[in-house]
N, C-alpha and C. Protein backbone atom coordinates (compact mmCIF):
# COMPACT_ATOMS: atom_id res chain seq x y z
N MET A 1 74.42 36.84 -99.91
CA MET A 1 74.52 36.36 -98.57
C MET A 1 73.15 36.08 -97.99
N PHE A 2 73.19 35.14 -97.12
CA PHE A 2 71.95 34.76 -96.42
C PHE A 2 71.83 35.61 -95.15
N PRO A 3 70.59 35.90 -94.79
CA PRO A 3 70.45 36.65 -93.53
C PRO A 3 70.95 35.81 -92.37
N HIS A 4 71.42 36.52 -91.40
CA HIS A 4 71.99 35.83 -90.24
C HIS A 4 70.86 35.28 -89.37
N GLU A 5 70.92 34.02 -89.08
CA GLU A 5 69.94 33.38 -88.19
C GLU A 5 70.66 33.02 -86.91
N PRO A 6 70.02 33.38 -85.74
CA PRO A 6 70.67 33.01 -84.49
C PRO A 6 70.63 31.50 -84.30
N PRO A 7 71.52 30.99 -83.51
CA PRO A 7 71.53 29.54 -83.26
C PRO A 7 70.21 29.11 -82.63
N ALA A 8 69.93 27.83 -82.72
CA ALA A 8 68.66 27.26 -82.25
C ALA A 8 68.37 27.58 -80.80
N PRO A 9 69.31 27.48 -79.86
CA PRO A 9 68.96 27.79 -78.46
C PRO A 9 68.53 29.24 -78.28
N GLU A 10 69.16 30.16 -78.99
CA GLU A 10 68.78 31.57 -78.88
C GLU A 10 67.38 31.79 -79.45
N ARG A 11 67.06 31.08 -80.56
CA ARG A 11 65.71 31.20 -81.15
C ARG A 11 64.68 30.66 -80.16
N ALA A 12 65.00 29.61 -79.48
CA ALA A 12 64.07 29.03 -78.50
C ALA A 12 63.84 30.01 -77.36
N VAL A 13 64.89 30.66 -76.90
CA VAL A 13 64.77 31.65 -75.82
C VAL A 13 63.91 32.82 -76.28
N GLU A 14 64.17 33.31 -77.48
CA GLU A 14 63.39 34.43 -78.02
C GLU A 14 61.92 34.04 -78.16
N ALA A 15 61.66 32.83 -78.63
CA ALA A 15 60.28 32.36 -78.78
C ALA A 15 59.62 32.25 -77.41
N ALA A 16 60.33 31.75 -76.43
CA ALA A 16 59.78 31.63 -75.08
C ALA A 16 59.48 33.00 -74.49
N MET A 17 60.40 33.94 -74.70
CA MET A 17 60.18 35.30 -74.20
C MET A 17 58.98 35.94 -74.89
N ALA A 18 58.83 35.69 -76.18
CA ALA A 18 57.68 36.24 -76.92
C ALA A 18 56.39 35.66 -76.36
N GLN A 19 56.41 34.37 -76.03
CA GLN A 19 55.21 33.74 -75.45
C GLN A 19 54.90 34.34 -74.08
N VAL A 20 55.93 34.55 -73.28
CA VAL A 20 55.72 35.13 -71.95
C VAL A 20 55.15 36.53 -72.07
N LEU A 21 55.71 37.33 -72.97
CA LEU A 21 55.22 38.70 -73.17
C LEU A 21 53.78 38.70 -73.68
N ALA A 22 53.46 37.78 -74.57
CA ALA A 22 52.09 37.69 -75.08
C ALA A 22 51.13 37.26 -73.96
N ALA A 23 51.56 36.31 -73.14
CA ALA A 23 50.74 35.84 -72.03
C ALA A 23 50.54 36.97 -71.01
N GLU A 24 51.59 37.73 -70.77
CA GLU A 24 51.50 38.86 -69.84
C GLU A 24 50.53 39.91 -70.37
N ALA A 25 50.59 40.21 -71.64
CA ALA A 25 49.66 41.18 -72.23
C ALA A 25 48.23 40.68 -72.16
N ALA A 26 48.03 39.39 -72.41
CA ALA A 26 46.69 38.81 -72.33
C ALA A 26 46.19 38.86 -70.89
N ALA A 27 47.08 38.61 -69.95
CA ALA A 27 46.69 38.64 -68.54
C ALA A 27 46.32 40.06 -68.12
N ARG A 28 47.07 41.05 -68.55
CA ARG A 28 46.74 42.45 -68.24
C ARG A 28 45.38 42.82 -68.82
N GLU A 29 45.14 42.40 -70.05
CA GLU A 29 43.85 42.68 -70.69
C GLU A 29 42.72 41.99 -69.91
N SER A 30 42.94 40.78 -69.50
CA SER A 30 41.94 40.02 -68.74
C SER A 30 41.67 40.69 -67.40
N VAL A 31 42.72 41.15 -66.72
CA VAL A 31 42.56 41.84 -65.44
C VAL A 31 41.78 43.14 -65.64
N ALA A 32 42.10 43.87 -66.69
CA ALA A 32 41.40 45.13 -66.96
C ALA A 32 39.92 44.87 -67.22
N LEU A 33 39.61 43.84 -68.01
CA LEU A 33 38.21 43.50 -68.28
C LEU A 33 37.50 43.07 -66.99
N ALA A 34 38.20 42.32 -66.16
CA ALA A 34 37.61 41.89 -64.88
C ALA A 34 37.34 43.08 -63.98
N GLN A 35 38.24 44.06 -63.98
CA GLN A 35 38.02 45.26 -63.16
C GLN A 35 36.80 46.04 -63.66
N VAL A 36 36.67 46.15 -64.97
CA VAL A 36 35.51 46.85 -65.54
C VAL A 36 34.23 46.11 -65.16
N GLU A 37 34.21 44.79 -65.31
CA GLU A 37 33.03 44.00 -64.97
C GLU A 37 32.73 44.08 -63.48
N ALA A 38 33.77 44.07 -62.65
CA ALA A 38 33.56 44.20 -61.21
C ALA A 38 32.93 45.55 -60.88
N GLY A 39 33.37 46.58 -61.54
CA GLY A 39 32.77 47.91 -61.35
C GLY A 39 31.31 47.92 -61.75
N ARG A 40 31.00 47.30 -62.87
CA ARG A 40 29.60 47.22 -63.32
C ARG A 40 28.76 46.41 -62.34
N ALA A 41 29.31 45.29 -61.88
CA ALA A 41 28.58 44.45 -60.92
C ALA A 41 28.35 45.22 -59.61
N GLY A 42 29.35 45.96 -59.18
CA GLY A 42 29.20 46.77 -57.97
C GLY A 42 28.11 47.81 -58.13
N GLU A 43 28.07 48.46 -59.27
CA GLU A 43 27.04 49.49 -59.52
C GLU A 43 25.66 48.84 -59.59
N ARG A 44 25.56 47.67 -60.23
CA ARG A 44 24.26 46.97 -60.28
C ARG A 44 23.81 46.62 -58.86
N SER A 45 24.75 46.16 -58.05
CA SER A 45 24.41 45.81 -56.67
C SER A 45 23.97 47.04 -55.89
N ARG A 46 24.67 48.14 -56.04
CA ARG A 46 24.28 49.36 -55.34
C ARG A 46 22.91 49.84 -55.80
N ALA A 47 22.63 49.73 -57.08
CA ALA A 47 21.31 50.13 -57.60
C ALA A 47 20.22 49.22 -57.03
N ALA A 48 20.50 47.94 -56.95
CA ALA A 48 19.51 47.00 -56.38
C ALA A 48 19.25 47.30 -54.91
N VAL A 49 20.30 47.62 -54.18
CA VAL A 49 20.15 47.95 -52.76
C VAL A 49 19.35 49.25 -52.61
N ARG A 50 19.63 50.24 -53.45
CA ARG A 50 18.87 51.50 -53.39
C ARG A 50 17.40 51.25 -53.68
N ALA A 51 17.10 50.44 -54.68
CA ALA A 51 15.71 50.14 -55.03
C ALA A 51 15.02 49.40 -53.88
N LEU A 52 15.71 48.46 -53.28
CA LEU A 52 15.14 47.72 -52.15
C LEU A 52 14.87 48.67 -50.98
N ALA A 53 15.81 49.55 -50.71
CA ALA A 53 15.63 50.51 -49.61
C ALA A 53 14.44 51.42 -49.87
N GLU A 54 14.27 51.86 -51.11
CA GLU A 54 13.12 52.72 -51.44
C GLU A 54 11.81 51.97 -51.27
N ARG A 55 11.74 50.71 -51.75
CA ARG A 55 10.51 49.92 -51.59
C ARG A 55 10.22 49.68 -50.11
N THR A 56 11.25 49.38 -49.35
CA THR A 56 11.07 49.14 -47.92
C THR A 56 10.57 50.40 -47.23
N GLU A 57 11.13 51.53 -47.57
CA GLU A 57 10.70 52.80 -46.96
C GLU A 57 9.24 53.10 -47.31
N GLN A 58 8.84 52.83 -48.54
CA GLN A 58 7.45 53.04 -48.93
C GLN A 58 6.52 52.12 -48.14
N ARG A 59 6.91 50.87 -47.98
CA ARG A 59 6.09 49.92 -47.21
C ARG A 59 5.96 50.37 -45.76
N VAL A 60 7.06 50.80 -45.18
CA VAL A 60 7.03 51.25 -43.78
C VAL A 60 6.11 52.47 -43.66
N ARG A 61 6.19 53.39 -44.62
CA ARG A 61 5.30 54.57 -44.58
C ARG A 61 3.84 54.15 -44.67
N ARG A 62 3.53 53.18 -45.55
CA ARG A 62 2.14 52.71 -45.67
C ARG A 62 1.68 52.02 -44.39
N TRP A 63 2.54 51.18 -43.80
CA TRP A 63 2.18 50.49 -42.55
C TRP A 63 1.97 51.50 -41.43
N ARG A 64 2.85 52.49 -41.35
CA ARG A 64 2.73 53.50 -40.30
C ARG A 64 1.43 54.29 -40.47
N ALA A 65 1.12 54.66 -41.70
CA ALA A 65 -0.12 55.41 -41.95
C ALA A 65 -1.34 54.55 -41.60
N ALA A 66 -1.31 53.28 -41.97
CA ALA A 66 -2.43 52.39 -41.65
C ALA A 66 -2.56 52.23 -40.13
N PHE A 67 -1.44 52.08 -39.44
CA PHE A 67 -1.47 51.96 -37.99
C PHE A 67 -2.04 53.23 -37.36
N GLU A 68 -1.60 54.38 -37.84
CA GLU A 68 -2.09 55.65 -37.29
C GLU A 68 -3.59 55.81 -37.54
N ARG A 69 -4.06 55.41 -38.73
CA ARG A 69 -5.50 55.48 -39.00
C ARG A 69 -6.27 54.57 -38.05
N ALA A 70 -5.78 53.34 -37.87
CA ALA A 70 -6.44 52.39 -36.97
C ALA A 70 -6.42 52.89 -35.53
N ALA A 71 -5.29 53.44 -35.11
CA ALA A 71 -5.19 53.96 -33.75
C ALA A 71 -6.12 55.15 -33.55
N ASP A 72 -6.19 56.03 -34.55
CA ASP A 72 -7.10 57.18 -34.47
C ASP A 72 -8.55 56.72 -34.39
N ALA A 73 -8.91 55.72 -35.18
CA ALA A 73 -10.28 55.21 -35.17
C ALA A 73 -10.59 54.57 -33.81
N GLU A 74 -9.66 53.81 -33.28
CA GLU A 74 -9.86 53.17 -31.96
C GLU A 74 -9.98 54.23 -30.88
N LEU A 75 -9.15 55.23 -30.93
CA LEU A 75 -9.20 56.31 -29.95
C LEU A 75 -10.54 57.05 -30.04
N ALA A 76 -10.98 57.33 -31.24
CA ALA A 76 -12.28 58.01 -31.41
C ALA A 76 -13.41 57.15 -30.85
N ALA A 77 -13.36 55.84 -31.09
CA ALA A 77 -14.40 54.95 -30.56
C ALA A 77 -14.36 54.94 -29.03
N LEU A 78 -13.17 54.90 -28.45
CA LEU A 78 -13.06 54.91 -26.99
C LEU A 78 -13.53 56.24 -26.40
N GLN A 79 -13.22 57.33 -27.09
CA GLN A 79 -13.68 58.64 -26.61
C GLN A 79 -15.21 58.73 -26.68
N ALA A 80 -15.79 58.22 -27.75
CA ALA A 80 -17.25 58.23 -27.87
C ALA A 80 -17.87 57.36 -26.78
N GLN A 81 -17.28 56.22 -26.53
CA GLN A 81 -17.79 55.34 -25.47
C GLN A 81 -17.66 56.03 -24.11
N ALA A 82 -16.56 56.70 -23.87
CA ALA A 82 -16.37 57.41 -22.60
C ALA A 82 -17.40 58.52 -22.45
N GLU A 83 -17.67 59.24 -23.53
CA GLU A 83 -18.69 60.30 -23.47
C GLU A 83 -20.06 59.72 -23.17
N ASN A 84 -20.38 58.61 -23.81
CA ASN A 84 -21.68 57.97 -23.55
C ASN A 84 -21.79 57.51 -22.11
N LEU A 85 -20.70 56.96 -21.58
CA LEU A 85 -20.74 56.45 -20.21
C LEU A 85 -20.75 57.58 -19.18
N SER A 86 -20.23 58.73 -19.53
CA SER A 86 -20.17 59.83 -18.56
C SER A 86 -21.45 60.65 -18.53
N ARG A 87 -22.33 60.48 -19.49
CA ARG A 87 -23.60 61.21 -19.50
C ARG A 87 -24.56 60.60 -18.48
N PRO A 88 -25.19 61.44 -17.67
CA PRO A 88 -26.18 60.89 -16.76
C PRO A 88 -27.40 60.39 -17.54
N THR A 89 -27.93 59.32 -17.08
CA THR A 89 -29.11 58.78 -17.76
C THR A 89 -30.30 58.81 -16.82
N GLU A 90 -31.42 59.06 -17.38
CA GLU A 90 -32.67 59.06 -16.62
C GLU A 90 -33.26 57.66 -16.72
N PRO A 91 -33.57 57.07 -15.59
CA PRO A 91 -34.18 55.74 -15.67
C PRO A 91 -35.57 55.84 -16.30
N GLY A 92 -35.87 54.85 -17.10
CA GLY A 92 -37.19 54.80 -17.72
C GLY A 92 -38.20 54.22 -16.75
N SER A 93 -39.46 54.18 -17.17
CA SER A 93 -40.51 53.68 -16.27
C SER A 93 -40.29 52.21 -15.94
N GLY A 94 -39.84 51.44 -16.87
CA GLY A 94 -39.55 50.03 -16.61
C GLY A 94 -38.34 49.87 -15.71
N ASP A 95 -37.37 50.77 -15.83
CA ASP A 95 -36.18 50.71 -14.98
C ASP A 95 -36.55 50.93 -13.52
N ALA A 96 -37.40 51.90 -13.26
CA ALA A 96 -37.79 52.21 -11.88
C ALA A 96 -38.47 51.01 -11.25
N ALA A 97 -39.34 50.33 -11.99
CA ALA A 97 -40.04 49.17 -11.44
C ALA A 97 -39.05 48.04 -11.16
N ARG A 98 -38.08 47.81 -12.05
CA ARG A 98 -37.09 46.76 -11.83
C ARG A 98 -36.21 47.08 -10.63
N ILE A 99 -35.87 48.36 -10.47
CA ILE A 99 -35.06 48.76 -9.31
C ILE A 99 -35.84 48.53 -8.02
N ASP A 100 -37.12 48.89 -8.04
CA ASP A 100 -37.95 48.68 -6.83
C ASP A 100 -38.02 47.19 -6.49
N GLN A 101 -38.16 46.34 -7.48
CA GLN A 101 -38.24 44.90 -7.22
C GLN A 101 -36.90 44.38 -6.69
N ALA A 102 -35.79 44.85 -7.24
CA ALA A 102 -34.47 44.41 -6.78
C ALA A 102 -34.24 44.85 -5.35
N VAL A 103 -34.64 46.07 -5.00
CA VAL A 103 -34.49 46.56 -3.63
C VAL A 103 -35.32 45.71 -2.68
N ALA A 104 -36.54 45.36 -3.07
CA ALA A 104 -37.41 44.55 -2.21
C ALA A 104 -36.81 43.17 -2.01
N ARG A 105 -36.26 42.56 -3.06
CA ARG A 105 -35.64 41.23 -2.92
C ARG A 105 -34.42 41.30 -2.00
N LEU A 106 -33.60 42.33 -2.17
CA LEU A 106 -32.41 42.47 -1.33
C LEU A 106 -32.80 42.68 0.13
N ALA A 107 -33.81 43.51 0.37
CA ALA A 107 -34.27 43.74 1.75
C ALA A 107 -34.78 42.45 2.36
N ALA A 108 -35.50 41.66 1.56
CA ALA A 108 -36.03 40.42 2.07
C ALA A 108 -34.90 39.45 2.40
N GLN A 109 -33.88 39.40 1.53
CA GLN A 109 -32.75 38.49 1.81
C GLN A 109 -32.00 38.93 3.08
N LEU A 110 -31.84 40.20 3.27
CA LEU A 110 -31.09 40.71 4.41
C LEU A 110 -31.87 40.52 5.72
N THR A 111 -33.17 40.60 5.63
CA THR A 111 -33.98 40.51 6.86
C THR A 111 -34.53 39.11 7.08
N GLY A 112 -34.33 38.21 6.12
CA GLY A 112 -34.82 36.86 6.25
C GLY A 112 -36.30 36.73 5.92
N GLY A 113 -36.90 37.74 5.39
CA GLY A 113 -38.31 37.71 5.03
C GLY A 113 -38.53 37.19 3.63
N ALA A 114 -39.79 37.04 3.26
CA ALA A 114 -40.13 36.58 1.92
C ALA A 114 -40.10 37.74 0.96
N PRO A 115 -39.61 37.53 -0.25
CA PRO A 115 -39.57 38.63 -1.23
C PRO A 115 -40.94 39.02 -1.74
C-alpha cells in the first residue's frame, strides 16, 4: 500500500500554515534580537551621558577654581591698594614747594592779583 496523501487543498493549507508558523518564529526571533540591541544601545547612551556629565563637572570645577584664584588675586590687589592709600604720606621737599606755588596762584586768582 501507498502512504495516504491528503488531497491537494489540504496540502496547500498545511503548507500555508507551516509558512505562517515559520514567519511567526522568525518574527519573534527578530523582535528578541531588536530588544537585545535596544538594550545595548540604551546602555551605550547612558554611558555616553555619564561620561559627558563627568567631563562637564570637571570643566566647571576648573573654571570655578580659576575664577576663585582670579577673584582672590584681584581682592588682594585692591586690599594692597587700599592699604597704600590709607597710609599717611609725608610731603617731600619738592611737594611743599609745589603746594606753596599752587596756594599763591589760587590766592592771586581769588583776589584778582598777579600770581
